[in-house]
Protein backbone atom coordinates (compact mmCIF):
# COMPACT_ATOMS: atom_id res chain seq x y z
CA TYR A 1 2.27 27.03 23.85
CA ILE A 2 5.48 25.68 22.45
CA LEU A 3 8.16 27.82 20.89
CA ARG A 4 10.68 26.36 18.52
CA THR A 5 14.01 27.88 19.43
CA ASP A 6 17.27 27.19 17.71
CA ARG A 7 20.13 29.16 16.21
CA ASP A 8 17.89 30.28 13.32
CA SER A 9 15.25 31.81 15.59
CA LEU A 10 16.72 35.28 15.91
CA VAL A 11 13.33 36.83 15.18
CA LEU A 12 12.15 35.32 18.48
CA TYR A 13 15.06 37.05 20.17
CA ASP A 14 13.99 40.38 18.67
CA ILE A 15 10.42 39.87 19.89
CA ILE A 16 11.36 38.87 23.44
CA ARG A 17 13.97 41.65 23.60
CA ASP A 18 11.22 44.15 22.74
CA ALA A 19 8.83 42.59 25.27
CA MET A 20 11.43 42.77 28.03
CA PHE A 21 12.28 46.36 27.07
CA ILE A 22 8.61 47.29 27.51
CA CYS A 23 8.44 45.41 30.83
CA LYS A 24 11.54 47.15 32.19
CA GLU A 25 11.74 50.59 30.60
CA LYS A 26 8.07 51.46 30.02
CA LEU A 27 6.11 49.51 32.65
CA HIS A 28 8.89 49.16 35.25
CA LEU A 29 7.73 45.64 36.11
CA ASN A 30 11.20 44.60 37.29
CA VAL A 31 10.77 46.54 40.55
CA TRP A 32 8.31 45.47 43.25
CA ARG A 33 5.64 48.05 44.07
CA PRO A 34 3.31 46.42 46.60
CA GLU A 35 1.18 49.58 46.87
CA ASP A 36 0.20 49.27 43.18
CA VAL A 37 -3.25 47.66 42.84
CA ALA A 38 -1.93 45.68 39.86
CA SER A 39 1.25 44.55 41.64
CA HIS A 40 0.38 40.84 41.69
CA ARG A 41 -0.67 40.81 38.04
CA ASN A 42 2.52 42.70 37.15
CA LEU A 43 4.58 40.18 39.10
CA ARG A 44 3.06 37.28 37.16
CA LEU A 45 3.55 39.12 33.87
CA PHE A 46 7.19 39.94 34.53
CA TRP A 47 8.14 36.41 35.59
CA CYS A 48 6.39 34.98 32.53
CA VAL A 49 8.35 37.24 30.18
CA TYR A 50 11.53 36.57 32.18
CA LEU A 51 11.27 32.79 31.80
CA LEU A 52 10.60 33.07 28.06
CA GLU A 53 13.43 35.56 27.63
CA ARG A 54 15.94 33.34 29.42
CA MET A 55 14.93 30.26 27.42
CA ILE A 56 15.12 32.07 24.08
CA CYS A 57 18.44 33.84 24.80
CA VAL A 58 20.16 30.60 25.73
CA ALA A 59 18.67 28.76 22.74
CA VAL A 60 19.82 31.35 20.19
CA GLY A 61 23.11 32.20 21.93
CA ARG A 62 22.30 35.88 22.46
CA PRO A 63 22.84 38.00 25.59
CA TYR A 64 20.09 38.47 28.15
CA THR A 65 18.13 41.67 27.73
CA ILE A 66 17.85 42.35 31.48
CA THR A 67 20.55 41.63 34.03
CA GLU A 68 19.91 39.91 37.34
CA PRO A 69 20.86 42.98 39.43
CA ASP A 70 18.12 44.93 37.59
CA ILE A 71 15.46 42.62 39.01
CA ASP A 72 14.07 43.56 42.41
CA LEU A 73 11.06 41.30 42.80
CA PRO A 74 9.83 38.61 45.17
CA LEU A 75 8.97 35.17 43.93
CA ILE A 76 5.34 34.29 43.32
CA ASP A 77 3.08 33.66 46.31
CA GLU A 78 -0.47 32.37 46.60
CA VAL A 79 -1.89 35.89 46.55
CA SER A 80 -0.10 36.67 43.29
CA LEU A 81 -1.17 33.42 41.71
CA ASN A 82 -4.84 33.52 42.69
CA THR A 83 -6.95 35.96 40.73
CA ARG A 84 -10.14 35.36 42.71
CA PRO A 85 -11.00 37.44 45.81
CA MET A 86 -10.19 35.93 49.21
CA THR A 87 -13.93 35.57 49.95
CA ASP A 88 -14.70 33.67 46.73
CA ALA A 89 -15.72 30.06 47.46
CA LYS A 90 -14.14 28.95 44.15
CA ARG A 91 -10.71 30.24 45.20
CA GLN A 92 -8.22 27.38 45.02
CA HIS A 93 -4.92 26.64 46.65
CA ARG A 94 -2.66 26.25 43.62
CA GLY A 95 0.76 25.79 45.14
CA VAL A 96 3.75 27.84 44.07
CA HIS A 97 6.61 25.42 44.70
CA PHE A 98 7.06 24.40 41.07
CA ILE A 99 7.03 27.88 39.56
CA ASN A 100 9.30 29.28 42.27
CA GLN A 101 11.80 26.44 41.94
CA SER A 102 11.80 27.05 38.17
CA LEU A 103 12.47 30.74 38.76
CA ARG A 104 15.21 30.04 41.31
CA LEU A 105 16.96 27.67 38.90
CA ARG A 106 16.78 30.15 36.00
CA ARG A 107 18.17 32.88 38.23
CA ILE A 108 21.12 30.68 39.25
CA GLU A 109 21.72 29.87 35.59
CA SER A 110 21.47 33.55 34.68
CA ARG A 111 23.99 34.67 37.27
CA PHE A 112 26.31 31.88 36.09
CA VAL A 113 26.00 33.01 32.46
CA GLU A 114 26.42 36.69 33.35
CA LYS A 115 29.41 36.26 35.68
CA LEU A 116 31.27 33.97 33.30
CA ARG A 117 30.20 35.95 30.22
CA ILE A 118 28.99 32.85 28.39
CA LEU A 119 26.55 34.70 26.12
CA PRO A 120 26.68 35.79 23.38
CA GLU A 121 28.20 32.78 21.75
CA GLY A 122 31.04 33.30 19.34
CA GLN A 123 33.22 35.18 21.81
CA ASP A 124 36.86 34.21 21.90
CA LYS A 125 37.19 31.15 24.08
CA LYS A 126 39.96 31.46 26.61
CA GLN A 127 41.48 29.18 29.20
CA ALA A 128 39.51 29.19 32.45
CA THR A 129 41.11 31.25 35.19
CA PRO A 130 41.36 30.13 38.83
CA GLU A 131 38.81 32.84 39.70
CA GLN A 132 36.36 31.43 37.16
CA LEU A 133 36.85 27.91 38.48
CA LEU A 134 36.06 29.15 41.98
CA LEU A 135 32.89 30.80 40.63
CA VAL A 136 31.86 27.53 38.98
CA LYS A 137 32.40 25.70 42.25
CA ASN A 138 30.20 28.26 44.04
CA PHE A 139 27.47 27.90 41.44
CA PHE A 140 27.53 24.12 41.77
CA HIS A 141 27.10 24.59 45.51
CA GLU A 142 24.06 26.82 44.82
CA LEU A 143 22.66 24.10 42.57
CA GLU A 144 23.11 21.52 45.32
CA ILE A 145 21.18 23.74 47.71
CA TRP A 146 18.47 24.31 45.08
CA ARG A 147 18.14 20.59 44.48
CA ALA A 148 17.95 19.85 48.22
CA ASN A 149 15.09 22.35 48.48
CA CYS A 150 13.06 20.62 45.77
CA SER A 151 10.16 19.07 47.61
CA ARG A 152 9.30 15.52 46.66
CA ASN A 153 6.10 15.36 48.67
CA SER A 154 4.17 18.57 48.05
CA VAL A 155 4.31 18.58 44.25
CA ARG A 156 2.76 16.45 41.57
CA LYS A 157 5.03 13.81 40.07
CA PHE A 158 5.18 15.43 36.63
CA GLU A 159 6.25 18.73 38.23
CA ASN A 160 9.09 17.00 40.04
CA GLU A 161 10.16 15.29 36.83
CA THR A 162 10.07 18.61 34.98
CA LEU A 163 12.26 20.24 37.63
CA LYS A 164 14.74 17.37 37.28
CA LEU A 165 14.77 17.93 33.51
CA TYR A 166 15.44 21.66 34.01
CA TYR A 167 18.23 20.81 36.45
CA TYR A 168 20.04 18.45 34.12
């Protein structure tokens, strides 16, 4: 699917805000519950809504609907990604590097946006403080670490190119 997001897409913001509200307040998908039989499905569902929410909020210049400290979840693993039983011969190794690197990058971006109060747009722009500049330096260091952890060997070429596009 492709979503057109621009400044005129506020209806998308309303939809994703409602979806994230349901995920957090009604289904409590933002907290890991490994004892729940649906925990892996819930993990996939939350991260899917999260990625859409982050993309839409940035595109329309609106604040995130869930803060990073409210998220207490692991990244996706093979068990969460595979829906077939362990004994099924058709079970495939899918690899989780790409999705997890995408999630890590969005989480870095989200913390950056939250700490520096970049969203919503239209706020009074002020001169950067020394504390903010130090935060930016720390976030750039996190990005360097993220980039160094991007595998070039264990992912398909188009996945690596997509991660580069997300990075820039």
